[in-house]
Amino acid sequence: MHSLIYLLLLTLPVLGVYSRYLGGNEWFLFGLPMPFAEVADRPQARMIIGWHKTLAAFGYWLIGLHAAAALFHHYIVKDNALVRMLPWLKKP
């Protein structure tokens, strides 16, 4: 599950930047001008935006499932998984 979360964290910005590039309009990132396609490919840009939105929604569900699994392990299984991840919960 961690690998999927990390993959999404890398893939989503790349898709976002690529869709902006394909849009053909001038755009800025942190105040810096970014490259853009001389000839816009709007259908492909819309397809990339669709992938970006779909993967973002999947990421929200994946993060929620991940948090639910941590709480399940802590409260139901009682294997101290959450305590091991959060050092301020450790008992003296």
Protein backbone atom coordinates (compact mmCIF):
# COMPACT_ATOMS: atom_id res chain seq x y z
CA MET A 1 0.00 0.00 0.00
CA HIS A 2 2.85 2.39 0.77
CA SER A 3 4.30 1.82 -2.68
CA LEU A 4 1.02 2.85 -4.31
CA ILE A 5 0.84 6.00 -2.22
CA TYR A 6 4.42 6.94 -3.14
CA LEU A 7 3.75 6.16 -6.80
CA LEU A 8 0.72 8.46 -6.75
CA LEU A 9 2.74 11.19 -5.04
CA LEU A 10 5.19 11.05 -7.94
CA THR A 11 2.72 10.47 -10.79
CA LEU A 12 0.09 13.12 -10.03
CA PRO A 13 2.40 16.16 -10.29
CA VAL A 14 3.95 14.79 -13.48
CA LEU A 15 0.51 14.37 -15.07
CA GLY A 16 -0.51 17.85 -13.93
CA VAL A 17 2.61 19.47 -15.38
CA TYR A 18 2.29 17.48 -18.62
CA SER A 19 -1.34 18.51 -19.06
CA ARG A 20 -0.37 22.17 -18.58
CA TYR A 21 2.43 21.73 -21.11
CA LEU A 22 0.07 20.24 -23.69
CA GLY A 23 -2.47 23.03 -23.13
CA GLY A 24 -0.32 25.40 -25.17
CA ASN A 25 -0.84 28.38 -22.86
CA GLU A 26 1.83 30.21 -20.92
CA TRP A 27 1.88 29.10 -17.28
CA PHE A 28 3.95 29.67 -14.18
CA LEU A 29 5.11 27.48 -11.32
CA PHE A 30 6.18 29.35 -8.17
CA GLY A 31 6.46 32.51 -10.27
CA LEU A 32 8.77 30.91 -12.84
CA PRO A 33 7.67 30.63 -16.47
CA MET A 34 7.33 27.01 -17.52
CA PRO A 35 7.68 25.56 -21.03
CA PHE A 36 4.56 24.94 -23.07
CA ALA A 37 3.82 23.27 -26.39
CA GLU A 38 4.02 25.53 -29.43
CA VAL A 39 0.99 23.75 -30.87
CA ALA A 40 -1.60 22.84 -28.27
CA ASP A 41 -2.90 19.28 -28.21
CA ARG A 42 -6.09 19.94 -26.28
CA PRO A 43 -7.68 16.48 -26.72
CA GLN A 44 -4.61 14.80 -25.27
CA ALA A 45 -4.40 17.44 -22.52
CA ARG A 46 -8.04 16.68 -21.58
CA MET A 47 -7.24 12.96 -21.50
CA ILE A 48 -4.25 13.58 -19.20
CA ILE A 49 -6.41 15.80 -16.96
CA GLY A 50 -8.96 12.96 -16.80
CA TRP A 51 -6.25 10.55 -15.67
CA HIS A 52 -5.01 13.12 -13.17
CA LYS A 53 -8.48 13.53 -11.64
CA THR A 54 -9.17 9.79 -11.56
CA LEU A 55 -5.85 8.99 -9.90
CA ALA A 56 -6.34 11.83 -7.41
CA ALA A 57 -9.74 10.40 -6.39
CA PHE A 58 -8.16 6.95 -6.10
CA GLY A 59 -5.44 8.48 -3.94
CA TYR A 60 -7.99 9.95 -1.55
CA TRP A 61 -9.62 6.54 -1.14
CA LEU A 62 -6.24 4.85 -0.73
CA ILE A 63 -5.13 7.28 1.98
CA GLY A 64 -8.47 6.86 3.78
CA LEU A 65 -8.17 3.08 3.58
CA HIS A 66 -4.62 3.32 4.88
CA ALA A 67 -5.72 5.40 7.88
CA ALA A 68 -8.63 3.02 8.53
CA ALA A 69 -6.24 0.06 8.47
CA ALA A 70 -3.98 1.76 11.01
CA LEU A 71 -6.95 2.40 13.31
CA PHE A 72 -8.19 -1.17 12.81
CA HIS A 73 -4.82 -2.54 13.86
CA HIS A 74 -4.67 -0.24 16.87
CA TYR A 75 -8.19 -0.73 18.24
CA ILE A 76 -9.31 -4.17 16.97
CA VAL A 77 -6.16 -6.24 16.46
CA LYS A 78 -4.37 -4.43 19.32
CA ASP A 79 -0.91 -5.06 17.88
CA ASN A 80 0.37 -1.56 18.80
CA ALA A 81 0.97 -0.66 15.15
CA LEU A 82 -0.23 2.90 15.71
CA VAL A 83 1.87 3.28 18.86
CA ARG A 84 4.96 2.19 16.93
CA MET A 85 4.26 4.86 14.29
CA LEU A 86 3.44 7.69 16.71
CA PRO A 87 6.19 7.99 19.32
CA TRP A 88 4.23 10.43 21.54
CA LEU A 89 1.71 7.63 22.22
CA LYS A 90 4.37 5.38 23.72
CA LYS A 91 3.81 4.57 27.36
CA PRO A 92 6.73 5.22 29.74
